[in-house]
Amino acid sequence: MDKKPGFDEQTWTISCRAGDVLLTIDSYSYWGFGLLTRCYANTITMEGPLGERARVVFDLVASLSHKPWEFSRRGKFNSKISNITENQECWQAHIERAREDLGELIEATLLEKGDCEDIEIARNALADDNAPAVLRALSRIEADSIDVEVEDVSPDGMVLQIDEDAVPFVDLSSEEE
């Protein structure tokens, strides 16, 4: 937490890093001096590779109940903080990039492993903007393609046999006087 909430409980800043992506969230009032609880903005700043940033945005938007580029008081936000249209276009560009990346991943898996039911499940999950479900479906395809040699698998597990005569016994419990 870079800036802890004080008197105005909605004004704060937090930062975190995951891999190559640095994420900073600033929360502040953009109208009404903080007296109106609906007029706070959370500015999310991400630094890092575009593909990873796009994936974070894709997952964030999919998990929210509303679009993060929509505001209660559009005019005040537009005049004080940023251009709403540019803000919306930036969000949507990241979402589209993540969709393209996931679509390419599905197509690469299709070319490598062939068509199967899980490819269709992955495509449907992508249509629902559900990236974790896409990755689960592709992981199932990958797991099914791993060949296991039957003679390498023991039904009871691996048991290490030790010849007791081959292991020297050393008694360290008594001391020499």
C-alpha atoms as a PDB file:
ATOM      1  CA  MET A   1       0.000   0.000   0.000  1.00  0.00           C
ATOM      2  CA  ASP A   2       1.740   3.154  -1.208  1.00  0.00           C
ATOM      3  CA  LYS A   3      -0.785   5.606   0.255  1.00  0.00           C
ATOM      4  CA  LYS A   4      -3.066   4.465   3.056  1.00  0.00           C
ATOM      5  CA  PRO A   5      -6.617   5.761   3.431  1.00  0.00           C
ATOM      6  CA  GLY A   6      -6.884   8.690   5.795  1.00  0.00           C
ATOM      7  CA  PHE A   7      -9.795  10.961   6.632  1.00  0.00           C
ATOM      8  CA  ASP A   8     -11.172  10.457   3.138  1.00  0.00           C
ATOM      9  CA  GLU A   9     -11.425   6.651   3.197  1.00  0.00           C
ATOM     10  CA  GLN A  10     -11.665   6.370  -0.596  1.00  0.00           C
ATOM     11  CA  THR A  11      -8.372   8.112  -1.382  1.00  0.00           C
ATOM     12  CA  TRP A  12      -5.577   5.526  -1.509  1.00  0.00           C
ATOM     13  CA  THR A  13      -2.851   4.042  -3.732  1.00  0.00           C
ATOM     14  CA  ILE A  14      -1.677   0.447  -4.014  1.00  0.00           C
ATOM     15  CA  SER A  15       1.017  -1.173  -6.183  1.00  0.00           C
ATOM     16  CA  CYS A  16       1.957  -4.757  -6.947  1.00  0.00           C
ATOM     17  CA  ARG A  17       4.123  -6.676  -9.382  1.00  0.00           C
ATOM     18  CA  ALA A  18       3.333 -10.012 -11.005  1.00  0.00           C
ATOM     19  CA  GLY A  19       6.042 -11.234 -13.331  1.00  0.00           C
ATOM     20  CA  ASP A  20       6.893  -8.437 -15.752  1.00  0.00           C
ATOM     21  CA  VAL A  21       3.716  -6.432 -15.070  1.00  0.00           C
ATOM     22  CA  LEU A  22       3.697  -3.578 -12.551  1.00  0.00           C
ATOM     23  CA  LEU A  23       0.159  -2.599 -11.511  1.00  0.00           C
ATOM     24  CA  THR A  24      -0.698   0.617  -9.651  1.00  0.00           C
ATOM     25  CA  ILE A  25      -4.223   1.595  -8.590  1.00  0.00           C
ATOM     26  CA  ASP A  26      -5.030   5.152  -7.446  1.00  0.00           C
ATOM     27  CA  SER A  27      -8.469   5.865  -5.981  1.00  0.00           C
ATOM     28  CA  TYR A  28      -9.663   9.466  -5.703  1.00  0.00           C
ATOM     29  CA  SER A  29     -12.701  11.717  -5.983  1.00  0.00           C
ATOM     30  CA  TYR A  30     -13.313  13.295  -9.383  1.00  0.00           C
ATOM     31  CA  TRP A  31     -16.345  15.364  -8.377  1.00  0.00           C
ATOM     32  CA  GLY A  32     -18.103  16.565  -5.247  1.00  0.00           C
ATOM     33  CA  PHE A  33     -15.017  16.777  -2.987  1.00  0.00           C
ATOM     34  CA  GLY A  34     -15.487  13.145  -1.982  1.00  0.00           C
ATOM     35  CA  LEU A  35     -18.959  13.764  -0.550  1.00  0.00           C
ATOM     36  CA  LEU A  36     -20.690  11.699  -3.239  1.00  0.00           C
ATOM     37  CA  THR A  37     -19.683   8.051  -3.044  1.00  0.00           C
ATOM     38  CA  ARG A  38     -20.507   7.436  -6.715  1.00  0.00           C
ATOM     39  CA  CYS A  39     -17.968   9.960  -7.997  1.00  0.00           C
ATOM     40  CA  TYR A  40     -14.697   8.203  -7.290  1.00  0.00           C
ATOM     41  CA  ALA A  41     -12.309   7.038  -9.958  1.00  0.00           C
ATOM     42  CA  ASN A  42      -9.864   4.170  -9.704  1.00  0.00           C
ATOM     43  CA  THR A  43      -7.010   4.816 -12.108  1.00  0.00           C
ATOM     44  CA  ILE A  44      -5.256   1.592 -13.051  1.00  0.00           C
ATOM     45  CA  THR A  45      -1.752   1.989 -14.466  1.00  0.00           C
ATOM     46  CA  MET A  46       0.022  -1.057 -15.893  1.00  0.00           C
ATOM     47  CA  GLU A  47       3.581  -1.290 -17.131  1.00  0.00           C
ATOM     48  CA  GLY A  48       4.954  -4.341 -18.878  1.00  0.00           C
ATOM     49  CA  PRO A  49       4.598  -6.427 -22.045  1.00  0.00           C
ATOM     50  CA  LEU A  50       1.447  -5.712 -24.057  1.00  0.00           C
ATOM     51  CA  GLY A  51       0.303  -9.349 -24.167  1.00  0.00           C
ATOM     52  CA  GLU A  52       0.437  -9.715 -20.389  1.00  0.00           C
ATOM     53  CA  ARG A  53      -1.264  -6.352 -19.808  1.00  0.00           C
ATOM     54  CA  ALA A  54      -4.003  -7.314 -22.267  1.00  0.00           C
ATOM     55  CA  ARG A  55      -4.607 -10.577 -20.423  1.00  0.00           C
ATOM     56  CA  VAL A  56      -4.935  -8.772 -17.068  1.00  0.00           C
ATOM     57  CA  VAL A  57      -7.430  -6.308 -18.588  1.00  0.00           C
ATOM     58  CA  PHE A  58      -9.374  -9.156 -20.221  1.00  0.00           C
ATOM     59  CA  ASP A  59      -9.699 -11.040 -16.920  1.00  0.00           C
ATOM     60  CA  LEU A  60     -10.550  -7.863 -14.996  1.00  0.00           C
ATOM     61  CA  VAL A  61     -13.338  -6.799 -17.361  1.00  0.00           C
ATOM     62  CA  ALA A  62     -14.763 -10.338 -17.437  1.00  0.00           C
ATOM     63  CA  SER A  63     -14.975 -10.391 -13.636  1.00  0.00           C
ATOM     64  CA  LEU A  64     -16.649  -6.993 -13.152  1.00  0.00           C
ATOM     65  CA  SER A  65     -20.397  -6.449 -13.100  1.00  0.00           C
ATOM     66  CA  HIS A  66     -20.101  -3.248 -15.155  1.00  0.00           C
ATOM     67  CA  LYS A  67     -17.801  -1.866 -17.822  1.00  0.00           C
ATOM     68  CA  PRO A  68     -14.875  -0.070 -16.159  1.00  0.00           C
ATOM     69  CA  TRP A  69     -14.925   2.739 -18.727  1.00  0.00           C
ATOM     70  CA  GLU A  70     -18.469   3.844 -17.786  1.00  0.00           C
ATOM     71  CA  PHE A  71     -18.866   6.623 -15.200  1.00  0.00           C
ATOM     72  CA  SER A  72     -21.687   8.127 -13.133  1.00  0.00           C
ATOM     73  CA  ARG A  73     -20.931  11.716 -14.118  1.00  0.00           C
ATOM     74  CA  ARG A  74     -19.398  11.511 -17.573  1.00  0.00           C
ATOM     75  CA  GLY A  75     -19.088  15.266 -18.085  1.00  0.00           C
ATOM     76  CA  LYS A  76     -17.169  15.872 -14.859  1.00  0.00           C
ATOM     77  CA  PHE A  77     -14.876  12.931 -15.503  1.00  0.00           C
ATOM     78  CA  ASN A  78     -14.292  14.101 -19.071  1.00  0.00           C
ATOM     79  CA  SER A  79     -13.404  17.644 -17.991  1.00  0.00           C
ATOM     80  CA  LYS A  80     -11.284  16.812 -14.928  1.00  0.00           C
ATOM     81  CA  ILE A  81      -9.524  13.512 -15.561  1.00  0.00           C
ATOM     82  CA  SER A  82      -9.408  12.187 -19.103  1.00  0.00           C
ATOM     83  CA  ASN A  83     -11.204  11.834 -22.403  1.00  0.00           C
ATOM     84  CA  ILE A  84     -13.867   9.150 -21.961  1.00  0.00           C
ATOM     85  CA  THR A  85     -13.705   8.051 -25.600  1.00  0.00           C
ATOM     86  CA  GLU A  86      -9.925   7.554 -25.520  1.00  0.00           C
ATOM     87  CA  ASN A  87     -10.217   5.717 -22.208  1.00  0.00           C
ATOM     88  CA  GLN A  88     -12.863   3.350 -23.619  1.00  0.00           C
ATOM     89  CA  GLU A  89     -10.838   2.727 -26.783  1.00  0.00           C
ATOM     90  CA  CYS A  90      -7.762   1.854 -24.718  1.00  0.00           C
ATOM     91  CA  TRP A  91      -9.708  -0.690 -22.628  1.00  0.00           C
ATOM     92  CA  GLN A  92     -11.291  -2.234 -25.718  1.00  0.00           C
ATOM     93  CA  ALA A  93      -7.964  -2.418 -27.586  1.00  0.00           C
ATOM     94  CA  HIS A  94      -6.467  -4.438 -24.724  1.00  0.00           C
ATOM     95  CA  ILE A  95      -9.524  -6.716 -24.599  1.00  0.00           C
ATOM     96  CA  GLU A  96      -9.337  -7.314 -28.350  1.00  0.00           C
ATOM     97  CA  ARG A  97      -5.607  -8.079 -28.136  1.00  0.00           C
ATOM     98  CA  ALA A  98      -6.247 -10.686 -25.410  1.00  0.00           C
ATOM     99  CA  ARG A  99      -9.036 -12.259 -27.504  1.00  0.00           C
ATOM    100  CA  GLU A 100      -6.691 -12.453 -30.496  1.00  0.00           C
ATOM    101  CA  ASP A 101      -3.924 -14.024 -28.386  1.00  0.00           C
ATOM    102  CA  LEU A 102      -6.295 -16.657 -26.967  1.00  0.00           C
ATOM    103  CA  GLY A 103      -7.731 -17.308 -30.445  1.00  0.00           C
ATOM    104  CA  GLU A 104      -4.214 -17.840 -31.805  1.00  0.00           C
ATOM    105  CA  LEU A 105      -3.489 -20.230 -28.933  1.00  0.00           C
ATOM    106  CA  ILE A 106      -6.621 -22.232 -29.789  1.00  0.00           C
ATOM    107  CA  GLU A 107      -5.686 -22.355 -33.484  1.00  0.00           C
ATOM    108  CA  ALA A 108      -2.096 -23.390 -32.710  1.00  0.00           C
ATOM    109  CA  THR A 109      -3.386 -26.212 -30.508  1.00  0.00           C
ATOM    110  CA  LEU A 110      -5.822 -27.242 -33.242  1.00  0.00           C
ATOM    111  CA  LEU A 111      -3.018 -27.433 -35.817  1.00  0.00           C
ATOM    112  CA  GLU A 112      -0.696 -29.310 -33.465  1.00  0.00           C
ATOM    113  CA  LYS A 113      -3.116 -31.746 -31.808  1.00  0.00           C
ATOM    114  CA  GLY A 114      -6.059 -31.910 -34.234  1.00  0.00           C
ATOM    115  CA  ASP A 115      -9.749 -31.193 -33.821  1.00  0.00           C
ATOM    116  CA  CYS A 116     -11.525 -32.513 -30.743  1.00  0.00           C
ATOM    117  CA  GLU A 117     -14.370 -31.662 -28.381  1.00  0.00           C
ATOM    118  CA  ASP A 118     -12.145 -29.549 -26.125  1.00  0.00           C
ATOM    119  CA  ILE A 119     -11.268 -27.236 -29.046  1.00  0.00           C
ATOM    120  CA  GLU A 120     -14.969 -26.416 -29.374  1.00  0.00           C
ATOM    121  CA  ILE A 121     -15.205 -25.954 -25.596  1.00  0.00           C
ATOM    122  CA  ALA A 122     -12.242 -23.542 -25.754  1.00  0.00           C
ATOM    123  CA  ARG A 123     -13.862 -21.568 -28.581  1.00  0.00           C
ATOM    124  CA  ASN A 124     -17.148 -21.330 -26.655  1.00  0.00           C
ATOM    125  CA  ALA A 125     -15.289 -20.198 -23.533  1.00  0.00           C
ATOM    126  CA  LEU A 126     -13.531 -17.515 -25.569  1.00  0.00           C
ATOM    127  CA  ALA A 127     -16.897 -16.338 -26.908  1.00  0.00           C
ATOM    128  CA  ASP A 128     -18.002 -16.002 -23.248  1.00  0.00           C
ATOM    129  CA  ASP A 129     -14.800 -14.051 -22.418  1.00  0.00           C
ATOM    130  CA  ASN A 130     -13.774 -16.795 -19.997  1.00  0.00           C
ATOM    131  CA  ALA A 131      -9.991 -17.052 -20.326  1.00  0.00           C
ATOM    132  CA  PRO A 132      -9.503 -19.583 -17.478  1.00  0.00           C
ATOM    133  CA  ALA A 133     -11.971 -21.970 -19.159  1.00  0.00           C
ATOM    134  CA  VAL A 134     -10.106 -21.578 -22.473  1.00  0.00           C
ATOM    135  CA  LEU A 135      -6.832 -22.498 -20.795  1.00  0.00           C
ATOM    136  CA  ARG A 136      -8.407 -25.455 -18.940  1.00  0.00           C
ATOM    137  CA  ALA A 137      -9.781 -26.874 -22.208  1.00  0.00           C
ATOM    138  CA  LEU A 138      -6.408 -26.479 -23.923  1.00  0.00           C
ATOM    139  CA  SER A 139      -4.667 -28.073 -20.923  1.00  0.00           C
ATOM    140  CA  ARG A 140      -6.951 -31.106 -21.181  1.00  0.00           C
ATOM    141  CA  ILE A 141      -5.961 -31.486 -24.839  1.00  0.00           C
ATOM    142  CA  GLU A 142      -2.289 -31.264 -23.890  1.00  0.00           C
ATOM    143  CA  ALA A 143      -2.712 -33.785 -21.057  1.00  0.00           C
ATOM    144  CA  ASP A 144      -4.493 -36.243 -23.356  1.00  0.00           C
ATOM    145  CA  SER A 145      -1.634 -36.064 -25.851  1.00  0.00           C
ATOM    146  CA  ILE A 146       1.046 -37.171 -23.364  1.00  0.00           C
ATOM    147  CA  ASP A 147       1.910 -40.808 -24.022  1.00  0.00           C
ATOM    148  CA  VAL A 148       2.616 -43.031 -21.024  1.00  0.00           C
ATOM    149  CA  GLU A 149       4.463 -46.304 -21.529  1.00  0.00           C
ATOM    150  CA  VAL A 150       2.592 -49.099 -19.736  1.00  0.00           C
ATOM    151  CA  GLU A 151       5.774 -50.901 -18.690  1.00  0.00           C
ATOM    152  CA  ASP A 152       6.974 -47.693 -16.979  1.00  0.00           C
ATOM    153  CA  VAL A 153       3.936 -47.638 -14.691  1.00  0.00           C
ATOM    154  CA  SER A 154       3.750 -49.845 -11.620  1.00  0.00           C
ATOM    155  CA  PRO A 155       0.215 -50.428 -10.307  1.00  0.00           C
ATOM    156  CA  ASP A 156       1.407 -50.419  -6.689  1.00  0.00           C
ATOM    157  CA  GLY A 157       3.808 -47.556  -7.142  1.00  0.00           C
ATOM    158  CA  MET A 158       7.564 -47.735  -7.035  1.00  0.00           C
ATOM    159  CA  VAL A 159       9.087 -49.719  -4.162  1.00  0.00           C
ATOM    160  CA  LEU A 160      12.776 -49.457  -3.408  1.00  0.00           C
ATOM    161  CA  GLN A 161      14.238 -52.843  -2.413  1.00  0.00           C
ATOM    162  CA  ILE A 162      17.258 -52.638  -0.110  1.00  0.00           C
ATOM    163  CA  ASP A 163      19.480 -55.593   0.685  1.00  0.00           C
ATOM    164  CA  GLU A 164      20.087 -55.273   4.439  1.00  0.00           C
ATOM    165  CA  ASP A 165      23.460 -57.042   4.208  1.00  0.00           C
ATOM    166  CA  ALA A 166      24.725 -54.442   1.733  1.00  0.00           C
ATOM    167  CA  VAL A 167      24.017 -51.538   4.099  1.00  0.00           C
ATOM    168  CA  PRO A 168      26.629 -51.158   6.851  1.00  0.00           C
ATOM    169  CA  PHE A 169      25.340 -50.768  10.394  1.00  0.00           C
ATOM    170  CA  VAL A 170      27.032 -48.083  12.480  1.00  0.00           C
ATOM    171  CA  ASP A 171      26.106 -47.734  16.158  1.00  0.00           C
ATOM    172  CA  LEU A 172      26.638 -44.156  17.316  1.00  0.00           C
ATOM    173  CA  SER A 173      24.706 -44.512  20.561  1.00  0.00           C
ATOM    174  CA  SER A 174      27.628 -45.473  22.800  1.00  0.00           C
ATOM    175  CA  GLU A 175      30.640 -43.359  23.494  1.00  0.00           C
ATOM    176  CA  GLU A 176      34.145 -44.682  23.965  1.00  0.00           C
ATOM    177  CA  GLU A 177      35.777 -43.762  27.235  1.00  0.00           C
END
